[in-house]
Amino acid sequence: MKIGIVSDSHDNIEAIKLAVDFLNKEGVDLTIHLGDIVSPFCFDHFNKLKSQFLGVFGNNDGEVLFLQQKSESKLHKPPYEIELDGKEFILMHEPFGIDKIANEYNYVLYGHLHNIDVRKTKKGYIINPGELCGYLTGKKTLAILDTQVNTVDLKVV
């Protein structure tokens, strides 16, 4: 399964459009957002993804009810555990205890820090794709996870 991973888009419509175009061209099966979408109107653009969408809320996602409506209930309260392609995932925004749980899941995905973090674990990876918005680092980044070959590629959009 090919999964696009984004986080911290913070209402940056230009960055969201770039990411949606990129992920559609890459042919990802699923896009995961790790929080801080911020405003529900961002789904006017995320809904143009050809892939499925799944995500968790971040600490700046204040309009929870309308975000749920616009996402068609595809956003969840973190931490959110899910099995995808026979692999165990935990999705969170803030990285609470990630080192302690790293070997309990194939993939520990988080955001919040706006910095890229890709670390191999005994079972898979810890992944923070950095920030899609590009506000703090100047780079609009995302990750592509291929669960079949267990690889993570970082991309600047």
Protein backbone atom coordinates (compact mmCIF):
# COMPACT_ATOMS: atom_id res chain seq x y z
CA MET A 1 0.00 0.00 0.00
CA LYS A 2 1.30 3.44 -0.93
CA ILE A 3 0.46 6.05 1.71
CA GLY A 4 0.94 9.81 1.53
CA ILE A 5 1.62 11.31 4.96
CA VAL A 6 1.16 15.01 5.70
CA SER A 7 0.92 17.13 8.82
CA ASP A 8 0.59 20.70 9.95
CA SER A 9 -0.98 22.25 6.85
CA HIS A 10 -2.23 25.21 8.94
CA ASP A 11 -4.64 26.65 6.34
CA ASN A 12 -1.91 27.04 3.69
CA ILE A 13 -4.12 26.54 0.64
CA GLU A 14 -1.22 26.83 -1.82
CA ALA A 15 0.64 24.04 0.01
CA ILE A 16 -2.49 21.88 0.23
CA LYS A 17 -3.09 22.25 -3.52
CA LEU A 18 0.55 21.32 -4.25
CA ALA A 19 0.32 18.28 -2.00
CA VAL A 20 -3.00 17.12 -3.48
CA ASP A 21 -1.61 17.43 -7.02
CA PHE A 22 1.59 15.61 -6.04
CA LEU A 23 -0.19 12.79 -4.19
CA ASN A 24 -2.66 12.34 -7.06
CA LYS A 25 0.24 12.06 -9.54
CA GLU A 26 2.03 9.61 -7.24
CA GLY A 27 -1.08 7.43 -7.17
CA VAL A 28 -1.16 6.94 -3.42
CA ASP A 29 -3.84 4.61 -2.08
CA LEU A 30 -4.37 6.57 1.13
CA THR A 31 -3.50 10.02 2.45
CA ILE A 32 -3.01 10.42 6.20
CA HIS A 33 -3.07 13.87 7.83
CA LEU A 34 -1.53 14.06 11.29
CA GLY A 35 -3.26 17.17 12.56
CA ASP A 36 -3.42 20.95 12.44
CA ILE A 37 -5.48 21.30 9.30
CA VAL A 38 -7.07 24.20 11.24
CA SER A 39 -10.07 25.37 9.15
CA PRO A 40 -12.83 23.27 7.61
CA PHE A 41 -12.57 25.11 4.26
CA CYS A 42 -9.29 23.25 3.65
CA PHE A 43 -11.41 20.20 2.77
CA ASP A 44 -12.57 22.01 -0.35
CA HIS A 45 -9.07 21.08 -1.55
CA PHE A 46 -8.33 17.84 0.36
CA ASN A 47 -11.55 16.42 -1.10
CA LYS A 48 -9.88 16.56 -4.54
CA LEU A 49 -7.58 13.71 -3.52
CA LYS A 50 -8.05 10.58 -5.62
CA SER A 51 -6.99 8.46 -2.64
CA GLN A 52 -8.85 7.66 0.52
CA PHE A 53 -8.29 10.13 3.39
CA LEU A 54 -7.75 9.52 7.09
CA GLY A 55 -6.48 11.79 9.83
CA VAL A 56 -6.30 12.90 13.42
CA PHE A 57 -7.00 16.21 15.07
CA GLY A 58 -4.16 18.49 16.12
CA ASN A 59 -3.90 21.06 18.89
CA ASN A 60 -4.85 23.91 16.51
CA ASP A 61 -7.94 22.23 15.06
CA GLY A 62 -10.59 24.23 16.89
CA GLU A 63 -13.65 23.85 14.69
CA VAL A 64 -14.02 20.15 15.46
CA LEU A 65 -17.66 19.68 14.51
CA PHE A 66 -17.38 21.34 11.10
CA LEU A 67 -14.02 19.65 10.42
CA GLN A 68 -15.78 16.33 11.08
CA GLN A 69 -18.58 17.25 8.70
CA LYS A 70 -16.29 18.47 5.92
CA SER A 71 -14.02 15.43 6.28
CA GLU A 72 -17.01 13.09 6.24
CA SER A 73 -15.99 11.82 9.71
CA LYS A 74 -12.51 10.78 8.56
CA LEU A 75 -10.75 12.70 11.34
CA HIS A 76 -10.25 11.00 14.69
CA LYS A 77 -9.18 11.96 18.18
CA PRO A 78 -5.54 10.98 18.70
CA PRO A 79 -4.00 8.63 19.44
CA TYR A 80 -5.78 6.60 16.79
CA GLU A 81 -4.88 2.96 16.21
CA ILE A 82 -5.66 1.28 12.91
CA GLU A 83 -4.58 -1.75 10.89
CA LEU A 84 -3.78 -1.05 7.25
CA ASP A 85 -2.40 -3.56 4.76
CA GLY A 86 -1.86 -6.02 7.61
CA LYS A 87 0.31 -3.51 9.52
CA GLU A 88 -0.35 -1.85 12.86
CA PHE A 89 -0.40 1.96 12.87
CA ILE A 90 -0.79 4.56 15.58
CA LEU A 91 -1.56 8.12 14.46
CA MET A 92 -1.08 11.09 16.72
CA HIS A 93 -0.40 14.77 16.52
CA GLU A 94 1.75 15.40 19.56
CA PRO A 95 4.55 12.87 20.10
CA PHE A 96 3.62 11.64 23.57
CA GLY A 97 5.66 8.57 24.48
CA ILE A 98 6.63 7.62 20.93
CA ASP A 99 9.95 6.10 21.96
CA LYS A 100 8.21 3.90 24.53
CA ILE A 101 5.65 2.56 22.04
CA ALA A 102 7.85 2.47 18.94
CA ASN A 103 8.17 -1.31 18.91
CA GLU A 104 4.50 -1.98 19.62
CA TYR A 105 3.45 -0.81 16.13
CA ASN A 106 4.77 -1.17 12.63
CA TYR A 107 4.32 2.56 12.08
CA VAL A 108 4.18 5.36 14.63
CA LEU A 109 3.07 8.53 12.81
CA TYR A 110 3.04 11.99 14.37
CA GLY A 111 3.27 15.70 13.56
CA HIS A 112 3.22 18.86 15.71
CA LEU A 113 6.96 19.61 15.79
CA HIS A 114 7.17 20.81 12.15
CA ASN A 115 10.42 18.88 11.77
CA ILE A 116 11.09 15.76 9.73
CA ASP A 117 11.75 12.66 11.81
CA VAL A 118 12.15 9.28 10.14
CA ARG A 119 13.59 6.56 12.34
CA LYS A 120 13.76 2.82 11.75
CA THR A 121 12.43 0.65 14.56
CA LYS A 122 12.43 -3.10 15.16
CA LYS A 123 8.98 -3.39 13.57
CA GLY A 124 8.97 -0.51 11.08
CA TYR A 125 9.29 3.26 11.41
CA ILE A 126 8.59 6.36 13.44
CA ILE A 127 7.56 9.04 10.92
CA ASN A 128 6.98 12.77 11.17
CA PRO A 129 6.69 14.18 7.62
CA GLY A 130 7.58 17.70 8.75
CA GLU A 131 5.30 20.60 7.93
CA LEU A 132 3.15 20.91 4.85
CA CYS A 133 2.59 24.63 5.49
CA GLY A 134 6.29 25.54 5.31
CA TYR A 135 5.83 28.35 7.82
CA LEU A 136 8.64 27.48 10.24
CA THR A 137 11.19 25.66 8.08
CA GLY A 138 10.51 27.24 4.70
CA LYS A 139 9.97 23.75 3.24
CA LYS A 140 6.61 22.21 2.36
CA THR A 141 7.26 18.54 3.06
CA LEU A 142 5.43 15.23 3.06
CA ALA A 143 6.31 11.55 3.14
CA ILE A 144 5.41 8.57 1.00
CA LEU A 145 5.29 5.26 2.84
CA ASP A 146 5.25 2.03 0.86
CA THR A 147 4.15 -0.72 3.24
CA GLN A 148 4.93 -3.51 0.76
CA VAL A 149 8.65 -2.75 0.59
CA ASN A 150 8.81 -0.87 3.93
CA THR A 151 10.31 2.35 2.56
CA VAL A 152 9.77 6.01 3.41
CA ASP A 153 10.52 8.75 0.89
CA LEU A 154 10.50 12.40 1.89
CA LYS A 155 9.34 14.94 -0.67
CA VAL A 156 9.31 18.72 -0.91
CA VAL A 157 6.27 20.02 -2.81
